[in-house]
Amino acid sequence: MILGATTSVQDSGLLDRIVQGFQDSTGYRLKPVVGGSGQTLETARRGEFDVILTHSPMEEQQFVADGEGLDPREVMRDYFLIAGPDSNPAEVKGLASLGEAFRRIATSSAGFISRGDNSGTNQRELSIWQKLKIDPKGQPWYQESAVGQGQNLLVANDKAAYTLVDSATFIAFRRRTSLSELAADHLDPNVYRVIRINPSKHGNLNADGAKAFVDYITGSKGQALIADFGRQEYGQSLFEPVSSK
């Protein structure tokens, strides 16, 4: 069975645990294919996955509305934050609003690294700029990396720039960068959903395997795995399981 998964699930280290736990519990063999949420959803429209795990709400809603996906279920969540250098040239530390932080970054022309890849993180970033009526593209302080979540964080670190990142990936990469969490959005969480691909739209799908994966990841074993992930290595859970909520 083939799972399309977003990069933050891989870069945090959780994906390997999910794959192993699912295989041990069900006997299915699971092959993950990793990409940004936008790329994953686009590939799913071609029928190349059996099930997907993504975090791009608007695109997921359209995917299901178009009949491509079935039975979307919330699995877990973390939150988005702005990581940046301790020098903090845009003075965004402690701000409760990511929008205000973005405004200060633009006003001060402080360096900002965008993933620029239509991922869930990139979509959240672009929605903030849009609400501010600021178009950063083409500005000398704004650069697009076109890489995954963890690698984008490393690019921002190399350039001593700001970036938007999910909290799980930031924690997992904390020892590899000198960036700090400067501002965070705890009110609008970053929610990951699992969606089965519609077998009536695409032939040769493992529909039974996809249903087994959904049942596992939203069931007691999968949710317990998510709740426990990170505690031993980082001293805290990286994701909050939410299917029971």
Protein backbone atom coordinates (compact mmCIF):
# COMPACT_ATOMS: atom_id res chain seq x y z
CA MET A 1 0.00 0.00 0.00
CA ILE A 2 1.24 3.50 -0.83
CA LEU A 3 0.94 6.46 1.55
CA GLY A 4 1.48 10.03 0.40
CA ALA A 5 2.75 12.02 3.38
CA THR A 6 3.80 15.60 3.97
CA THR A 7 7.45 16.42 4.67
CA SER A 8 6.92 17.63 8.24
CA VAL A 9 5.73 14.18 9.28
CA GLN A 10 8.96 12.73 7.90
CA ASP A 11 11.32 15.50 9.07
CA SER A 12 10.01 15.26 12.63
CA GLY A 13 10.83 11.54 12.61
CA LEU A 14 7.24 10.43 13.20
CA LEU A 15 6.65 8.88 9.78
CA ASP A 16 9.06 5.98 10.35
CA ARG A 17 7.30 5.15 13.62
CA ILE A 18 3.89 5.26 11.96
CA VAL A 19 5.00 2.96 9.14
CA GLN A 20 6.52 0.44 11.55
CA GLY A 21 3.59 0.55 13.95
CA PHE A 22 1.03 0.08 11.18
CA GLN A 23 2.93 -2.82 9.62
CA ASP A 24 3.39 -4.54 12.97
CA SER A 25 -0.30 -4.12 13.84
CA THR A 26 -1.88 -5.10 10.52
CA GLY A 27 0.58 -7.12 8.46
CA TYR A 28 0.25 -4.72 5.54
CA ARG A 29 3.41 -3.46 3.86
CA LEU A 30 3.34 0.34 3.68
CA LYS A 31 5.44 2.41 1.28
CA PRO A 32 5.56 6.14 2.11
CA VAL A 33 6.17 8.79 -0.56
CA VAL A 34 7.02 12.20 0.87
CA GLY A 35 6.36 15.68 -0.53
CA GLY A 36 4.73 18.98 0.35
CA SER A 37 0.97 18.79 0.89
CA GLY A 38 0.26 20.52 -2.43
CA GLN A 39 2.46 18.10 -4.32
CA THR A 40 1.00 15.14 -2.43
CA LEU A 41 -2.58 16.15 -3.24
CA GLU A 42 -1.69 16.73 -6.89
CA THR A 43 -0.10 13.29 -7.16
CA ALA A 44 -3.11 11.75 -5.40
CA ARG A 45 -5.36 13.18 -8.12
CA ARG A 46 -3.50 10.93 -10.56
CA GLY A 47 -4.33 7.88 -8.46
CA GLU A 48 -0.73 7.21 -7.44
CA PHE A 49 -1.51 6.87 -3.71
CA ASP A 50 -3.96 4.76 -1.77
CA VAL A 51 -4.18 7.16 1.18
CA ILE A 52 -2.66 10.52 2.11
CA LEU A 53 -1.66 12.37 5.28
CA THR A 54 -1.51 16.15 4.71
CA HIS A 55 -2.03 19.54 6.39
CA SER A 56 -3.46 21.94 3.82
CA PRO A 57 -7.13 22.52 4.80
CA MET A 58 -8.43 24.45 1.78
CA GLU A 59 -6.83 22.10 -0.74
CA GLU A 60 -8.03 19.06 1.20
CA GLN A 61 -11.59 20.38 1.19
CA GLN A 62 -11.44 20.89 -2.57
CA PHE A 63 -9.90 17.45 -3.05
CA VAL A 64 -12.83 15.81 -1.25
CA ALA A 65 -15.40 18.10 -2.92
CA ASP A 66 -14.07 17.01 -6.30
CA GLY A 67 -14.73 13.40 -5.39
CA GLU A 68 -11.05 12.49 -5.29
CA GLY A 69 -10.91 11.75 -1.56
CA LEU A 70 -13.12 9.99 0.95
CA ASP A 71 -13.73 10.13 4.68
CA PRO A 72 -11.27 12.87 5.77
CA ARG A 73 -10.38 12.51 9.43
CA GLU A 74 -8.30 14.66 11.75
CA VAL A 75 -5.29 12.79 13.11
CA MET A 76 -3.06 15.19 15.04
CA ARG A 77 -1.93 18.78 15.33
CA ASP A 78 0.96 21.00 16.24
CA TYR A 79 1.30 24.76 15.68
CA PHE A 80 3.05 27.19 13.37
CA LEU A 81 5.81 29.45 14.61
CA ILE A 82 8.29 31.97 13.30
CA ALA A 83 11.87 30.87 13.80
CA GLY A 84 14.62 33.43 13.49
CA PRO A 85 18.04 34.55 14.70
CA ASP A 86 18.54 35.72 18.28
CA SER A 87 19.53 39.14 16.93
CA ASN A 88 15.85 39.48 15.90
CA PRO A 89 16.24 42.51 13.60
CA ALA A 90 12.48 42.82 13.00
CA GLU A 91 11.70 42.73 16.75
CA VAL A 92 9.04 40.02 16.54
CA LYS A 93 9.89 38.11 19.73
CA GLY A 94 6.88 37.40 21.90
CA LEU A 95 4.26 38.67 19.46
CA ALA A 96 0.96 36.79 19.71
CA SER A 97 0.06 37.56 16.11
CA LEU A 98 1.94 36.01 13.20
CA GLY A 99 0.41 38.70 11.02
CA GLU A 100 2.03 41.47 13.05
CA ALA A 101 5.33 39.57 12.97
CA PHE A 102 5.13 39.28 9.18
CA ARG A 103 4.33 42.99 8.91
CA ARG A 104 7.39 43.90 10.96
CA ILE A 105 9.58 41.59 8.88
CA ALA A 106 8.40 43.25 5.67
CA THR A 107 8.71 46.77 7.07
CA SER A 108 12.24 46.16 8.29
CA SER A 109 13.23 44.24 5.13
CA ALA A 110 14.61 41.47 7.33
CA GLY A 111 15.51 38.25 5.55
CA PHE A 112 12.70 35.71 5.19
CA ILE A 113 12.94 32.22 3.69
CA SER A 114 9.77 30.81 2.15
CA ARG A 115 9.36 27.21 1.09
CA GLY A 116 7.70 28.44 -2.09
CA ASP A 117 6.46 24.94 -2.93
CA ASN A 118 2.67 25.04 -2.40
CA SER A 119 3.07 22.95 0.75
CA GLY A 120 0.72 23.32 3.70
CA THR A 121 3.27 25.56 5.39
CA ASN A 122 3.69 27.66 2.25
CA GLN A 123 -0.09 28.01 1.92
CA ARG A 124 -0.36 29.21 5.53
CA GLU A 125 2.46 31.69 4.93
CA LEU A 126 0.88 33.04 1.73
CA SER A 127 -2.50 33.42 3.44
CA ILE A 128 -0.89 35.66 6.06
CA TRP A 129 0.76 37.90 3.45
CA GLN A 130 -2.55 38.08 1.57
CA LYS A 131 -4.46 39.20 4.67
CA LEU A 132 -1.83 41.90 5.18
CA LYS A 133 -2.14 42.91 1.49
CA ILE A 134 1.63 42.54 1.18
CA ASP A 135 3.19 40.87 -1.86
CA PRO A 136 6.70 39.82 -0.83
CA LYS A 137 7.65 38.05 -4.05
CA GLY A 138 10.44 39.78 -5.88
CA GLN A 139 11.56 41.70 -2.80
CA PRO A 140 15.30 41.40 -2.09
CA TRP A 141 14.67 40.30 1.51
CA TYR A 142 12.33 37.44 0.46
CA GLN A 143 13.71 34.17 -0.90
CA GLU A 144 12.09 30.85 -1.86
CA SER A 145 13.95 27.65 -1.06
CA ALA A 146 11.68 25.07 -2.81
CA VAL A 147 12.78 22.42 -0.29
CA GLY A 148 11.06 20.44 2.46
CA GLN A 149 10.27 21.62 5.95
CA GLY A 150 13.46 20.57 7.70
CA GLN A 151 15.79 21.64 4.88
CA ASN A 152 14.04 24.99 4.67
CA LEU A 153 14.80 25.52 8.35
CA LEU A 154 18.47 24.80 7.68
CA VAL A 155 18.50 27.31 4.81
CA ALA A 156 17.04 29.97 7.12
CA ASN A 157 19.67 29.11 9.70
CA ASP A 158 22.50 29.45 7.15
CA LYS A 159 21.21 32.88 6.11
CA ALA A 160 20.31 34.04 9.65
CA ALA A 161 16.79 34.71 8.35
CA TYR A 162 13.23 34.27 9.56
CA THR A 163 10.98 31.45 8.39
CA LEU A 164 7.61 29.87 9.14
CA VAL A 165 7.83 26.29 10.40
CA ASP A 166 5.66 23.81 12.24
CA SER A 167 6.53 23.25 15.87
CA ALA A 168 7.28 19.51 15.57
CA THR A 169 9.90 20.01 12.87
CA PHE A 170 11.40 22.96 14.75
CA ILE A 171 11.82 20.87 17.89
CA ALA A 172 13.27 17.93 15.96
CA PHE A 173 15.83 20.22 14.26
CA ARG A 174 16.55 22.42 17.28
CA ARG A 175 19.98 20.94 17.89
CA ARG A 176 20.94 21.48 14.25
CA THR A 177 20.25 25.22 14.10
CA SER A 178 20.88 28.33 16.17
CA LEU A 179 17.41 29.73 15.42
CA SER A 180 14.92 30.51 18.19
CA GLU A 181 11.13 30.34 18.40
CA LEU A 182 10.20 34.03 18.35
CA ALA A 183 6.45 34.12 17.71
CA ALA A 184 3.80 31.42 17.56
CA ASP A 185 0.16 30.88 16.64
CA HIS A 186 -1.52 28.69 19.25
CA LEU A 187 -5.06 29.76 18.32
CA ASP A 188 -5.14 28.36 14.78
CA PRO A 189 -3.47 24.94 15.04
CA ASN A 190 -1.77 23.08 12.23
CA VAL A 191 -4.05 20.06 11.73
CA TYR A 192 -3.05 16.90 9.86
CA ARG A 193 -5.76 14.84 8.15
CA VAL A 194 -5.83 11.39 6.66
CA ILE A 195 -7.86 10.91 3.46
CA ARG A 196 -8.55 7.75 1.47
CA ILE A 197 -8.31 8.04 -2.31
CA ASN A 198 -11.60 7.31 -4.04
CA PRO A 199 -11.28 3.86 -5.69
CA SER A 200 -14.19 4.60 -8.03
CA LYS A 201 -12.09 7.36 -9.62
CA HIS A 202 -8.89 5.34 -9.99
CA GLY A 203 -8.27 1.67 -10.68
CA ASN A 204 -5.78 -0.63 -8.96
CA LEU A 205 -6.01 1.06 -5.55
CA ASN A 206 -5.60 -0.86 -2.32
CA ALA A 207 -8.87 0.36 -0.83
CA ASP A 208 -8.89 -2.21 1.98
CA GLY A 209 -5.36 -1.29 2.97
CA ALA A 210 -6.21 2.40 2.93
CA LYS A 211 -9.16 1.83 5.24
CA ALA A 212 -6.96 -0.23 7.55
CA PHE A 213 -4.46 2.61 7.71
CA VAL A 214 -7.15 5.20 8.51
CA ASP A 215 -8.54 2.95 11.23
CA TYR A 216 -5.06 2.45 12.68
CA ILE A 217 -3.87 6.06 12.66
CA THR A 218 -7.13 7.34 14.17
CA GLY A 219 -7.55 4.37 16.52
CA SER A 220 -6.16 3.76 19.98
CA LYS A 221 -2.80 2.30 18.88
CA GLY A 222 -2.01 5.01 16.36
CA GLN A 223 -3.12 7.81 18.63
CA ALA A 224 -1.08 6.42 21.52
CA LEU A 225 1.98 6.24 19.26
CA ILE A 226 1.52 9.90 18.29
CA ALA A 227 0.98 10.99 21.91
CA ASP A 228 4.19 9.24 22.99
CA PHE A 229 6.37 10.34 20.09
CA GLY A 230 9.14 12.72 21.16
CA ARG A 231 8.83 12.30 24.92
CA GLN A 232 11.96 10.20 25.34
CA GLU A 233 14.20 12.11 22.94
CA TYR A 234 12.93 15.67 23.34
CA GLY A 235 11.18 15.59 26.69
CA GLN A 236 7.80 16.45 25.15
CA SER A 237 5.29 15.15 22.64
CA LEU A 238 5.85 16.68 19.21
CA PHE A 239 2.23 16.27 18.08
CA GLU A 240 -1.10 16.23 19.88
CA PRO A 241 -3.41 13.36 18.79
CA VAL A 242 -6.87 14.71 18.06
CA SER A 243 -9.03 12.00 16.47
CA SER A 244 -10.57 11.19 19.85
CA LYS A 245 -11.56 14.85 20.17
